[in-house]
Amino acid sequence: MKTMDSKLAVKALAALAQETRLATFRLLVTAGPEGMSAGAISESLGLAAPTLSFHLKELAHSGLIEGKAHGRFVMYRAQYGHMQALIDFLMENCCAAEGLGCAAKDAVA
């Protein structure tokens, strides 16, 4: 996984800034590395196939999920490394103004 930069972070955050995509991503995170088929995602979230397809494409384009053929199905999986890189990017300068690391800040709170 390459390191996160501002452009990649904006793309990932933009993908998550929509209710259906956020719900889809959270469902895939819950599903674990095994992932889920589009049909299972559609059923779980009550989405029509064309609607889900559009949102899956947006999430895949952002790098947050990946779809891989598995027999006659496409299994979608959360890309945990990309998600962690986004979190790390957001927390990169945590408490820098106070000269404390995040762990030190949490201990004070």
Protein backbone atom coordinates (compact mmCIF):
# COMPACT_ATOMS: atom_id res chain seq x y z
CA MET A 1 0.00 0.00 0.00
CA LYS A 2 1.42 3.30 -0.95
CA THR A 3 1.31 6.08 1.57
CA MET A 4 -1.71 8.31 1.64
CA ASP A 5 -1.52 11.82 0.25
CA SER A 6 -4.10 14.59 0.24
CA LYS A 7 -5.55 13.65 -3.17
CA LEU A 8 -6.07 10.01 -2.19
CA ALA A 9 -7.52 11.04 1.17
CA VAL A 10 -10.00 13.40 -0.49
CA LYS A 11 -11.05 10.66 -2.93
CA ALA A 12 -11.62 8.18 -0.09
CA LEU A 13 -13.44 10.67 2.11
CA ALA A 14 -15.62 11.78 -0.82
CA ALA A 15 -16.58 8.17 -1.46
CA LEU A 16 -17.59 7.74 2.18
CA ALA A 17 -19.49 11.03 2.29
CA GLN A 18 -22.65 9.39 0.97
CA GLU A 19 -25.00 7.35 3.15
CA THR A 20 -25.33 4.27 0.91
CA ARG A 21 -21.60 4.04 0.24
CA LEU A 22 -20.80 4.47 3.94
CA ALA A 23 -23.28 1.70 4.83
CA THR A 24 -21.82 -0.54 2.12
CA PHE A 25 -18.26 0.05 3.28
CA ARG A 26 -19.16 -0.58 6.92
CA LEU A 27 -20.94 -3.80 5.94
CA LEU A 28 -17.85 -4.98 4.05
CA VAL A 29 -15.60 -4.10 6.99
CA THR A 30 -17.88 -6.22 9.18
CA ALA A 31 -17.80 -9.09 6.65
CA GLY A 32 -14.04 -9.45 7.06
CA PRO A 33 -11.44 -10.51 4.50
CA GLU A 34 -13.83 -13.06 2.97
CA GLY A 35 -16.02 -10.23 1.70
CA MET A 36 -19.51 -10.47 0.26
CA SER A 37 -21.10 -10.94 -3.13
CA ALA A 38 -23.02 -8.07 -4.69
CA GLY A 39 -26.23 -10.07 -4.20
CA ALA A 40 -25.58 -10.48 -0.48
CA ILE A 41 -24.76 -6.79 -0.11
CA SER A 42 -27.89 -5.85 -2.06
CA GLU A 43 -30.04 -8.08 0.13
CA SER A 44 -28.48 -6.85 3.38
CA LEU A 45 -28.93 -3.18 2.51
CA GLY A 46 -32.18 -3.47 0.52
CA LEU A 47 -30.67 -1.91 -2.61
CA ALA A 48 -31.52 -2.46 -6.25
CA ALA A 49 -28.69 -4.02 -8.27
CA PRO A 50 -28.07 -0.96 -10.52
CA THR A 51 -27.94 1.36 -7.51
CA LEU A 52 -25.54 -0.91 -5.66
CA SER A 53 -23.38 -1.31 -8.76
CA PHE A 54 -22.94 2.46 -9.01
CA HIS A 55 -21.92 2.74 -5.35
CA LEU A 56 -19.57 -0.26 -5.50
CA LYS A 57 -17.85 1.33 -8.49
CA GLU A 58 -17.33 4.58 -6.57
CA LEU A 59 -15.92 2.77 -3.54
CA ALA A 60 -13.61 0.67 -5.72
CA HIS A 61 -12.42 3.78 -7.58
CA SER A 62 -11.49 5.33 -4.22
CA GLY A 63 -9.44 2.26 -3.29
CA LEU A 64 -11.53 1.46 -0.22
CA ILE A 65 -12.92 -1.81 -1.63
CA GLU A 66 -11.90 -4.35 -4.21
CA GLY A 67 -14.00 -6.73 -6.27
CA LYS A 68 -12.57 -10.07 -7.40
CA ALA A 69 -14.19 -12.78 -9.47
CA HIS A 70 -14.85 -15.91 -7.45
CA GLY A 71 -16.52 -18.47 -9.69
CA ARG A 72 -19.57 -16.83 -11.19
CA PHE A 73 -19.75 -14.20 -8.46
CA VAL A 74 -17.73 -11.08 -7.75
CA MET A 75 -16.72 -10.91 -4.13
CA TYR A 76 -16.25 -7.43 -2.71
CA ARG A 77 -13.83 -6.86 0.15
CA ALA A 78 -12.86 -3.85 2.21
CA GLN A 79 -9.26 -2.83 1.60
CA TYR A 80 -8.11 -2.65 5.21
CA GLY A 81 -4.65 -1.33 4.30
CA HIS A 82 -6.16 1.61 2.43
CA MET A 83 -8.57 2.29 5.30
CA GLN A 84 -5.68 2.22 7.79
CA ALA A 85 -3.60 4.52 5.57
CA LEU A 86 -6.50 7.01 5.57
CA ILE A 87 -6.81 6.86 9.36
CA ASP A 88 -3.04 7.24 9.72
CA PHE A 89 -3.10 10.23 7.35
CA LEU A 90 -5.85 11.90 9.38
CA MET A 91 -4.00 11.28 12.65
CA GLU A 92 -0.52 12.03 11.31
CA ASN A 93 -0.02 15.27 13.20
CA CYS A 94 -2.16 14.46 16.21
CA CYS A 95 -1.39 16.82 19.09
CA ALA A 96 1.68 18.20 17.28
CA ALA A 97 0.90 21.75 18.41
CA GLU A 98 1.12 20.64 22.04
CA GLY A 99 4.29 18.63 21.45
CA LEU A 100 2.50 15.49 22.62
CA GLY A 101 1.84 12.26 20.79
CA CYS A 102 -1.70 10.95 20.61
CA ALA A 103 -1.01 8.41 23.36
CA ALA A 104 0.10 11.25 25.66
CA LYS A 105 -3.03 13.23 24.82
CA ASP A 106 -5.26 10.23 25.62
CA ALA A 107 -3.53 9.77 28.98
CA VAL A 108 -4.29 13.39 29.91
CA ALA A 109 -7.98 13.20 28.94
